[in-house]
C-alpha atoms as a PDB file:
ATOM      1  CA  UNK A   1     -18.264 -67.095  99.095  1.00  0.00           C
ATOM      2  CA  UNK A   2     -15.283 -69.412  98.647  1.00  0.00           C
ATOM      3  CA  UNK A   3     -15.500 -73.033  99.751  1.00  0.00           C
ATOM      4  CA  UNK A   4     -11.802 -73.115 100.633  1.00  0.00           C
ATOM      5  CA  UNK A   5      -9.446 -71.054 102.783  1.00  0.00           C
ATOM      6  CA  UNK A   6      -5.779 -70.711 101.781  1.00  0.00           C
ATOM      7  CA  UNK A   7      -3.157 -69.583 104.281  1.00  0.00           C
ATOM      8  CA  UNK A   8       0.555 -69.390 103.530  1.00  0.00           C
ATOM      9  CA  UNK A   9       3.154 -69.548 106.288  1.00  0.00           C
ATOM     10  CA  UNK A  10       6.642 -69.251 104.880  1.00  0.00           C
ATOM     11  CA  UNK A  11       6.995 -71.881 102.171  1.00  0.00           C
ATOM     12  CA  UNK A  12       4.011 -73.955 103.366  1.00  0.00           C
ATOM     13  CA  UNK A  13       0.469 -73.424 102.062  1.00  0.00           C
ATOM     14  CA  UNK A  14      -2.477 -74.769 104.057  1.00  0.00           C
ATOM     15  CA  UNK A  15      -5.717 -75.232 102.119  1.00  0.00           C
ATOM     16  CA  UNK A  16      -8.788 -75.807 104.278  1.00  0.00           C
ATOM     17  CA  UNK A  17     -12.009 -77.110 102.745  1.00  0.00           C
ATOM     18  CA  UNK A  18     -14.582 -74.873 104.392  1.00  0.00           C
ATOM     19  CA  UNK A  19     -18.106 -76.284 104.152  1.00  0.00           C
ATOM     20  CA  UNK A  20     -18.639 -77.294 107.794  1.00  0.00           C
ATOM     21  CA  UNK A  21     -22.436 -77.371 107.604  1.00  0.00           C
ATOM     22  CA  UNK A  22     -22.105 -80.032 104.861  1.00  0.00           C
ATOM     23  CA  UNK A  23     -19.203 -81.783 106.629  1.00  0.00           C
ATOM     24  CA  UNK A  24     -16.963 -80.340 103.902  1.00  0.00           C
ATOM     25  CA  UNK A  25     -18.595 -82.482 101.209  1.00  0.00           C
ATOM     26  CA  UNK A  26     -17.137 -82.063  97.745  1.00  0.00           C
ATOM     27  CA  UNK A  27     -19.436 -80.357  95.296  1.00  0.00           C
ATOM     28  CA  UNK A  28     -18.539 -79.218  91.785  1.00  0.00           C
ATOM     29  CA  UNK A  29     -17.571 -75.733  92.902  1.00  0.00           C
ATOM     30  CA  UNK A  30     -15.287 -76.994  95.673  1.00  0.00           C
ATOM     31  CA  UNK A  31     -13.540 -79.403  93.313  1.00  0.00           C
ATOM     32  CA  UNK A  32     -12.920 -76.582  90.851  1.00  0.00           C
ATOM     33  CA  UNK A  33     -11.684 -74.218  93.589  1.00  0.00           C
ATOM     34  CA  UNK A  34      -9.297 -76.837  94.933  1.00  0.00           C
ATOM     35  CA  UNK A  35      -7.999 -77.467  91.429  1.00  0.00           C
ATOM     36  CA  UNK A  36      -7.281 -73.790  90.840  1.00  0.00           C
ATOM     37  CA  UNK A  37      -5.609 -73.421  94.234  1.00  0.00           C
ATOM     38  CA  UNK A  38      -3.370 -76.447  93.691  1.00  0.00           C
ATOM     39  CA  UNK A  39      -2.341 -75.324  90.212  1.00  0.00           C
ATOM     40  CA  UNK A  40      -1.514 -71.854  91.510  1.00  0.00           C
ATOM     41  CA  UNK A  41       0.515 -73.343  94.366  1.00  0.00           C
ATOM     42  CA  UNK A  42       2.514 -75.540  92.023  1.00  0.00           C
ATOM     43  CA  UNK A  43       3.321 -72.529  89.853  1.00  0.00           C
ATOM     44  CA  UNK A  44       4.512 -70.507  92.874  1.00  0.00           C
ATOM     45  CA  UNK A  45       8.229 -71.088  93.520  1.00  0.00           C
ATOM     46  CA  UNK A  46       7.751 -69.783  97.065  1.00  0.00           C
ATOM     47  CA  UNK A  47       5.528 -72.729  98.006  1.00  0.00           C
ATOM     48  CA  UNK A  48       7.362 -75.939  98.830  1.00  0.00           C
ATOM     49  CA  UNK A  49       4.625 -78.025 100.448  1.00  0.00           C
ATOM     50  CA  UNK A  50       0.840 -78.041 100.665  1.00  0.00           C
ATOM     51  CA  UNK A  51      -1.332 -79.188 103.567  1.00  0.00           C
ATOM     52  CA  UNK A  52      -4.933 -80.159 102.796  1.00  0.00           C
ATOM     53  CA  UNK A  53      -7.414 -80.322 105.651  1.00  0.00           C
ATOM     54  CA  UNK A  54     -11.059 -79.722 106.517  1.00  0.00           C
ATOM     55  CA  UNK A  55     -12.687 -77.091 108.676  1.00  0.00           C
ATOM     56  CA  UNK A  56     -14.095 -77.980 112.061  1.00  0.00           C
ATOM     57  CA  UNK A  57     -13.456 -81.054 114.190  1.00  0.00           C
ATOM     58  CA  UNK A  58     -15.861 -83.541 112.598  1.00  0.00           C
ATOM     59  CA  UNK A  59     -14.721 -84.075 109.043  1.00  0.00           C
ATOM     60  CA  UNK A  60     -11.906 -83.841 106.563  1.00  0.00           C
ATOM     61  CA  UNK A  61     -14.352 -84.446 103.715  1.00  0.00           C
ATOM     62  CA  UNK A  62     -17.400 -86.612 104.364  1.00  0.00           C
ATOM     63  CA  UNK A  63     -17.909 -87.575 100.729  1.00  0.00           C
ATOM     64  CA  UNK A  64     -19.297 -86.012  97.597  1.00  0.00           C
ATOM     65  CA  UNK A  65     -22.413 -83.847  97.511  1.00  0.00           C
ATOM     66  CA  UNK A  66     -24.897 -86.561  96.516  1.00  0.00           C
ATOM     67  CA  UNK A  67     -27.742 -84.203  95.698  1.00  0.00           C
ATOM     68  CA  UNK A  68     -25.723 -82.890  92.759  1.00  0.00           C
ATOM     69  CA  UNK A  69     -25.812 -86.203  90.879  1.00  0.00           C
ATOM     70  CA  UNK A  70     -28.734 -88.201  92.271  1.00  0.00           C
ATOM     71  CA  UNK A  71     -30.649 -87.913  88.969  1.00  0.00           C
ATOM     72  CA  UNK A  72     -27.723 -88.391  86.553  1.00  0.00           C
ATOM     73  CA  UNK A  73     -27.887 -90.648  83.493  1.00  0.00           C
ATOM     74  CA  UNK A  74     -25.211 -93.217  82.586  1.00  0.00           C
ATOM     75  CA  UNK A  75     -23.422 -90.751  80.323  1.00  0.00           C
ATOM     76  CA  UNK A  76     -23.572 -87.965  82.884  1.00  0.00           C
ATOM     77  CA  UNK A  77     -22.197 -90.358  85.491  1.00  0.00           C
ATOM     78  CA  UNK A  78     -19.226 -91.212  83.282  1.00  0.00           C
ATOM     79  CA  UNK A  79     -18.604 -87.536  82.647  1.00  0.00           C
ATOM     80  CA  UNK A  80     -18.788 -86.734  86.370  1.00  0.00           C
ATOM     81  CA  UNK A  81     -16.091 -89.325  87.117  1.00  0.00           C
ATOM     82  CA  UNK A  82     -13.838 -88.380  84.199  1.00  0.00           C
ATOM     83  CA  UNK A  83     -13.980 -84.666  84.923  1.00  0.00           C
ATOM     84  CA  UNK A  84     -13.312 -85.271  88.615  1.00  0.00           C
ATOM     85  CA  UNK A  85     -10.258 -87.377  87.823  1.00  0.00           C
ATOM     86  CA  UNK A  86      -8.806 -84.754  85.513  1.00  0.00           C
ATOM     87  CA  UNK A  87      -9.790 -81.689  87.507  1.00  0.00           C
ATOM     88  CA  UNK A  88      -8.670 -82.688  90.998  1.00  0.00           C
ATOM     89  CA  UNK A  89      -7.701 -86.245  91.901  1.00  0.00           C
ATOM     90  CA  UNK A  90      -5.140 -87.028  89.198  1.00  0.00           C
ATOM     91  CA  UNK A  91      -3.959 -83.440  89.436  1.00  0.00           C
ATOM     92  CA  UNK A  92      -3.255 -83.834  93.155  1.00  0.00           C
ATOM     93  CA  UNK A  93      -1.446 -87.151  92.724  1.00  0.00           C
ATOM     94  CA  UNK A  94       0.779 -85.795  89.962  1.00  0.00           C
ATOM     95  CA  UNK A  95       1.426 -82.394  91.504  1.00  0.00           C
ATOM     96  CA  UNK A  96       5.184 -81.874  91.824  1.00  0.00           C
ATOM     97  CA  UNK A  97       4.716 -79.858  95.001  1.00  0.00           C
ATOM     98  CA  UNK A  98       4.186 -82.377  97.846  1.00  0.00           C
ATOM     99  CA  UNK A  99       0.665 -82.574  99.236  1.00  0.00           C
ATOM    100  CA  UNK A 100       0.028 -83.690 102.827  1.00  0.00           C
ATOM    101  CA  UNK A 101      -3.543 -84.653 103.705  1.00  0.00           C
ATOM    102  CA  UNK A 102      -4.297 -83.850 107.350  1.00  0.00           C
ATOM    103  CA  UNK A 103      -7.393 -85.971 107.946  1.00  0.00           C
ATOM    104  CA  UNK A 104      -9.248 -84.374 110.841  1.00  0.00           C
ATOM    105  CA  UNK A 105     -12.311 -86.594 111.171  1.00  0.00           C
ATOM    106  CA  UNK A 106     -14.486 -88.376 108.612  1.00  0.00           C
ATOM    107  CA  UNK A 107     -12.842 -89.103 105.257  1.00  0.00           C
ATOM    108  CA  UNK A 108     -15.524 -90.921 103.329  1.00  0.00           C
ATOM    109  CA  UNK A 109     -16.109 -91.523  99.644  1.00  0.00           C
ATOM    110  CA  UNK A 110     -14.659 -88.619  97.709  1.00  0.00           C
ATOM    111  CA  UNK A 111     -12.998 -87.427 100.893  1.00  0.00           C
ATOM    112  CA  UNK A 112     -10.953 -90.605 101.249  1.00  0.00           C
ATOM    113  CA  UNK A 113     -10.275 -90.500  97.515  1.00  0.00           C
ATOM    114  CA  UNK A 114      -8.904 -86.974  97.902  1.00  0.00           C
ATOM    115  CA  UNK A 115      -6.726 -88.024 100.835  1.00  0.00           C
ATOM    116  CA  UNK A 116      -5.428 -91.011  98.868  1.00  0.00           C
ATOM    117  CA  UNK A 117      -4.449 -88.775  95.967  1.00  0.00           C
ATOM    118  CA  UNK A 118      -2.178 -86.798  98.315  1.00  0.00           C
ATOM    119  CA  UNK A 119       1.446 -87.879  98.686  1.00  0.00           C
ATOM    120  CA  UNK A 120       1.372 -88.232 102.486  1.00  0.00           C
ATOM    121  CA  UNK A 121      -1.569 -88.851 104.826  1.00  0.00           C
ATOM    122  CA  UNK A 122      -1.787 -88.229 108.559  1.00  0.00           C
ATOM    123  CA  UNK A 123      -4.923 -88.624 110.638  1.00  0.00           C
ATOM    124  CA  UNK A 124      -6.381 -87.482 113.923  1.00  0.00           C
ATOM    125  CA  UNK A 125      -7.193 -90.282 116.332  1.00  0.00           C
ATOM    126  CA  UNK A 126     -10.935 -89.665 115.886  1.00  0.00           C
ATOM    127  CA  UNK A 127     -10.782 -90.080 112.101  1.00  0.00           C
ATOM    128  CA  UNK A 128     -12.956 -92.623 110.316  1.00  0.00           C
ATOM    129  CA  UNK A 129     -12.119 -93.656 106.763  1.00  0.00           C
ATOM    130  CA  UNK A 130     -14.184 -95.547 104.223  1.00  0.00           C
ATOM    131  CA  UNK A 131     -15.713 -95.866 100.774  1.00  0.00           C
ATOM    132  CA  UNK A 132     -19.474 -96.304 101.298  1.00  0.00           C
ATOM    133  CA  UNK A 133     -20.495 -95.917  97.653  1.00  0.00           C
ATOM    134  CA  UNK A 134     -21.894 -99.440  97.132  1.00  0.00           C
ATOM    135  CA  UNK A 135     -24.513 -98.672  99.791  1.00  0.00           C
ATOM    136  CA  UNK A 136     -25.809 -96.069  97.321  1.00  0.00           C
ATOM    137  CA  UNK A 137     -25.788 -98.427  94.345  1.00  0.00           C
ATOM    138  CA  UNK A 138     -22.615 -97.038  92.801  1.00  0.00           C
ATOM    139  CA  UNK A 139     -18.853 -97.570  93.148  1.00  0.00           C
ATOM    140  CA  UNK A 140     -16.049 -95.154  94.056  1.00  0.00           C
ATOM    141  CA  UNK A 141     -15.579 -92.978  90.978  1.00  0.00           C
ATOM    142  CA  UNK A 142     -12.699 -90.660  91.798  1.00  0.00           C
ATOM    143  CA  UNK A 143      -9.888 -93.223  91.813  1.00  0.00           C
ATOM    144  CA  UNK A 144     -10.898 -95.059  94.960  1.00  0.00           C
ATOM    145  CA  UNK A 145     -10.945 -98.555  93.462  1.00  0.00           C
ATOM    146  CA  UNK A 146      -7.417 -98.058  92.156  1.00  0.00           C
ATOM    147  CA  UNK A 147      -5.586 -96.081  94.854  1.00  0.00           C
ATOM    148  CA  UNK A 148      -7.048 -98.013  97.790  1.00  0.00           C
ATOM    149  CA  UNK A 149      -5.835-101.311  96.336  1.00  0.00           C
ATOM    150  CA  UNK A 150      -2.404 -99.785  95.702  1.00  0.00           C
ATOM    151  CA  UNK A 151      -2.147 -98.632  99.307  1.00  0.00           C
ATOM    152  CA  UNK A 152      -3.673-101.488 101.329  1.00  0.00           C
ATOM    153  CA  UNK A 153      -3.660-104.422  98.913  1.00  0.00           C
ATOM    154  CA  UNK A 154      -6.459-105.921  96.851  1.00  0.00           C
ATOM    155  CA  UNK A 155      -8.002-108.060  99.572  1.00  0.00           C
ATOM    156  CA  UNK A 156      -8.418-105.272 102.102  1.00  0.00           C
ATOM    157  CA  UNK A 157      -9.597-102.912  99.374  1.00  0.00           C
ATOM    158  CA  UNK A 158     -12.307-105.382  98.357  1.00  0.00           C
ATOM    159  CA  UNK A 159     -13.385-105.744 101.989  1.00  0.00           C
ATOM    160  CA  UNK A 160     -13.623-101.990 102.557  1.00  0.00           C
ATOM    161  CA  UNK A 161     -15.415-101.316  99.284  1.00  0.00           C
ATOM    162  CA  UNK A 162     -17.825-104.275  99.419  1.00  0.00           C
ATOM    163  CA  UNK A 163     -18.852-103.807 103.053  1.00  0.00           C
ATOM    164  CA  UNK A 164     -19.105-100.007 102.687  1.00  0.00           C
ATOM    165  CA  UNK A 165     -17.738 -99.884 106.217  1.00  0.00           C
ATOM    166  CA  UNK A 166     -15.489 -97.412 107.992  1.00  0.00           C
ATOM    167  CA  UNK A 167     -12.165 -98.167 109.631  1.00  0.00           C
ATOM    168  CA  UNK A 168     -10.521 -96.303 112.489  1.00  0.00           C
ATOM    169  CA  UNK A 169      -7.433 -94.158 112.157  1.00  0.00           C
ATOM    170  CA  UNK A 170      -5.437 -96.821 114.014  1.00  0.00           C
ATOM    171  CA  UNK A 171      -6.520 -99.553 111.607  1.00  0.00           C
ATOM    172  CA  UNK A 172      -5.807 -97.258 108.671  1.00  0.00           C
ATOM    173  CA  UNK A 173      -2.266 -96.844 109.979  1.00  0.00           C
ATOM    174  CA  UNK A 174      -1.857-100.596 110.414  1.00  0.00           C
ATOM    175  CA  UNK A 175      -2.791-101.101 106.760  1.00  0.00           C
ATOM    176  CA  UNK A 176      -0.552 -98.307 105.484  1.00  0.00           C
ATOM    177  CA  UNK A 177      -3.441 -96.087 104.477  1.00  0.00           C
ATOM    178  CA  UNK A 178      -2.155 -93.274 106.703  1.00  0.00           C
ATOM    179  CA  UNK A 179       1.414 -92.557 107.798  1.00  0.00           C
ATOM    180  CA  UNK A 180       0.742 -91.246 111.311  1.00  0.00           C
ATOM    181  CA  UNK A 181      -2.088 -90.975 113.842  1.00  0.00           C
ATOM    182  CA  UNK A 182      -2.087 -88.216 116.460  1.00  0.00           C
ATOM    183  CA  UNK A 183      -4.589 -86.454 118.736  1.00  0.00           C
ATOM    184  CA  UNK A 184      -6.623 -83.941 116.759  1.00  0.00           C
ATOM    185  CA  UNK A 185      -5.020 -81.033 118.619  1.00  0.00           C
ATOM    186  CA  UNK A 186      -1.624 -82.138 117.294  1.00  0.00           C
ATOM    187  CA  UNK A 187      -2.653 -82.873 113.707  1.00  0.00           C
ATOM    188  CA  UNK A 188      -1.688 -79.620 112.004  1.00  0.00           C
ATOM    189  CA  UNK A 189       1.447 -79.339 114.119  1.00  0.00           C
ATOM    190  CA  UNK A 190       2.622 -82.698 112.782  1.00  0.00           C
ATOM    191  CA  UNK A 191       1.623 -81.768 109.232  1.00  0.00           C
ATOM    192  CA  UNK A 192       3.658 -78.586 109.488  1.00  0.00           C
ATOM    193  CA  UNK A 193       6.580 -80.460 111.036  1.00  0.00           C
ATOM    194  CA  UNK A 194       6.668 -82.849 108.077  1.00  0.00           C
ATOM    195  CA  UNK A 195       6.257 -79.956 105.643  1.00  0.00           C
ATOM    196  CA  UNK A 196       9.127 -78.075 107.283  1.00  0.00           C
ATOM    197  CA  UNK A 197      11.410 -81.059 106.730  1.00  0.00           C
ATOM    198  CA  UNK A 198      10.337 -81.312 103.100  1.00  0.00           C
ATOM    199  CA  UNK A 199      10.999 -77.659 102.275  1.00  0.00           C
ATOM    200  CA  UNK A 200      14.601 -77.948 103.502  1.00  0.00           C
ATOM    201  CA  UNK A 201      15.367 -80.258 100.586  1.00  0.00           C
ATOM    202  CA  UNK A 202      15.794 -79.758  96.849  1.00  0.00           C
ATOM    203  CA  UNK A 203      12.478 -78.824  95.195  1.00  0.00           C
ATOM    204  CA  UNK A 204      13.719 -80.199  91.884  1.00  0.00           C
ATOM    205  CA  UNK A 205      14.725 -83.528  93.413  1.00  0.00           C
ATOM    206  CA  UNK A 206      11.402 -83.818  95.263  1.00  0.00           C
ATOM    207  CA  UNK A 207       9.485 -83.197  92.035  1.00  0.00           C
ATOM    208  CA  UNK A 208      11.635 -85.803  90.284  1.00  0.00           C
ATOM    209  CA  UNK A 209      10.987 -88.304  93.083  1.00  0.00           C
ATOM    210  CA  UNK A 210       7.216 -87.781  92.780  1.00  0.00           C
ATOM    211  CA  UNK A 211       7.349 -88.427  89.034  1.00  0.00           C
ATOM    212  CA  UNK A 212       9.513 -91.527  89.520  1.00  0.00           C
ATOM    213  CA  UNK A 213       7.355 -93.081  92.247  1.00  0.00           C
ATOM    214  CA  UNK A 214       4.129 -92.362  90.350  1.00  0.00           C
ATOM    215  CA  UNK A 215       5.573 -93.886  87.173  1.00  0.00           C
ATOM    216  CA  UNK A 216       5.334 -97.355  88.718  1.00  0.00           C
ATOM    217  CA  UNK A 217       1.548 -97.037  88.808  1.00  0.00           C
ATOM    218  CA  UNK A 218       1.043 -95.907  85.216  1.00  0.00           C
ATOM    219  CA  UNK A 219       0.088 -98.429  82.533  1.00  0.00           C
ATOM    220  CA  UNK A 220       2.839 -99.127  80.040  1.00  0.00           C
ATOM    221  CA  UNK A 221       5.466 -97.192  81.993  1.00  0.00           C
ATOM    222  CA  UNK A 222       8.615 -98.836  83.361  1.00  0.00           C
ATOM    223  CA  UNK A 223       9.167 -97.265  86.784  1.00  0.00           C
ATOM    224  CA  UNK A 224      12.827 -98.257  86.855  1.00  0.00           C
ATOM    225  CA  UNK A 225      13.483 -96.542  83.539  1.00  0.00           C
ATOM    226  CA  UNK A 226      11.628 -93.478  84.796  1.00  0.00           C
ATOM    227  CA  UNK A 227      13.860 -93.459  87.879  1.00  0.00           C
ATOM    228  CA  UNK A 228      16.997 -93.654  85.748  1.00  0.00           C
ATOM    229  CA  UNK A 229      15.767 -90.766  83.611  1.00  0.00           C
ATOM    230  CA  UNK A 230      14.810 -88.580  86.578  1.00  0.00           C
ATOM    231  CA  UNK A 231      18.038 -89.435  88.412  1.00  0.00           C
ATOM    232  CA  UNK A 232      20.110 -88.367  85.420  1.00  0.00           C
ATOM    233  CA  UNK A 233      18.191 -85.123  84.962  1.00  0.00           C
ATOM    234  CA  UNK A 234      19.031 -84.089  88.522  1.00  0.00           C
ATOM    235  CA  UNK A 235      22.718 -83.888  87.615  1.00  0.00           C
ATOM    236  CA  UNK A 236      21.987 -80.972  85.290  1.00  0.00           C
ATOM    237  CA  UNK A 237      20.448 -78.720  87.945  1.00  0.00           C
ATOM    238  CA  UNK A 238      21.931 -75.949  90.085  1.00  0.00           C
ATOM    239  CA  UNK A 239      20.351 -77.672  93.091  1.00  0.00           C
ATOM    240  CA  UNK A 240      22.540 -80.747  92.531  1.00  0.00           C
ATOM    241  CA  UNK A 241      25.614 -78.498  92.466  1.00  0.00           C
ATOM    242  CA  UNK A 242      24.506 -76.756  95.654  1.00  0.00           C
ATOM    243  CA  UNK A 243      23.623 -80.003  97.432  1.00  0.00           C
ATOM    244  CA  UNK A 244      26.860 -81.818  96.645  1.00  0.00           C
ATOM    245  CA  UNK A 245      29.007 -78.736  97.241  1.00  0.00           C
ATOM    246  CA  UNK A 246      27.374 -78.156 100.625  1.00  0.00           C
ATOM    247  CA  UNK A 247      27.958 -81.791 101.576  1.00  0.00           C
ATOM    248  CA  UNK A 248      31.635 -81.622 100.648  1.00  0.00           C
ATOM    249  CA  UNK A 249      32.021 -78.297 102.449  1.00  0.00           C
ATOM    250  CA  UNK A 250      30.245 -79.751 105.508  1.00  0.00           C
ATOM    251  CA  UNK A 251      27.545 -77.099 105.555  1.00  0.00           C
ATOM    252  CA  UNK A 252      23.764 -77.086 105.163  1.00  0.00           C
ATOM    253  CA  UNK A 253      22.567 -76.756 101.567  1.00  0.00           C
ATOM    254  CA  UNK A 254      20.492 -73.687 100.781  1.00  0.00           C
ATOM    255  CA  UNK A 255      17.897 -74.556  98.175  1.00  0.00           C
ATOM    256  CA  UNK A 256      15.452 -71.742  98.933  1.00  0.00           C
ATOM    257  CA  UNK A 257      15.796 -68.022  99.480  1.00  0.00           C
END
């Protein structure tokens, strides 16, 4: 039985993590299934945006499945983190199809790390977000120490990680950790509204923008040079011709069939 449910509506794919009895905790199988689904979506020209959410009303993803690694050695722990980075979290961040995390409840540990690897985050007003790993004698291992500091600043990241506490959706919005907070009943509607705006624009330009923004956070990469490169490449695409022609002709550009 699959741990995820994929539903496509037009050019928008919704992927729901479906382990409600475990509060959608990420185990090895779920990470691998999500990875395959995201890769397939990126390769599908008919998909212009992806929404990630969790099943039920309690949790987006309430962490990793601790029983899978409770007896791991140092080397196995390193491997667990490295494989997770490569398989899912870095993949999500660098996906050139935009990913919107619709956080519908608890986003803890690996769940918050997954949400942070998405390009846009929205949360239901009952959501709680945190990285409780130090209470288990370990640290966030799927990019949490890096992405949280990038999003909320080093001081707040230290506070959240060191206290192992949770913050509310409203506080997460205040700190820039999520873009919007809405009642849970409106969460997917807002996610789809944002996705519908995204898919009206140039897929090539959106992919270029993702690469340019992400470049600023890569060691040894000059984000400004990456922007110049990506900007120039856009001029050689049919989408640039369509976009500029439509503007001059005072009509709406048609980037998708």
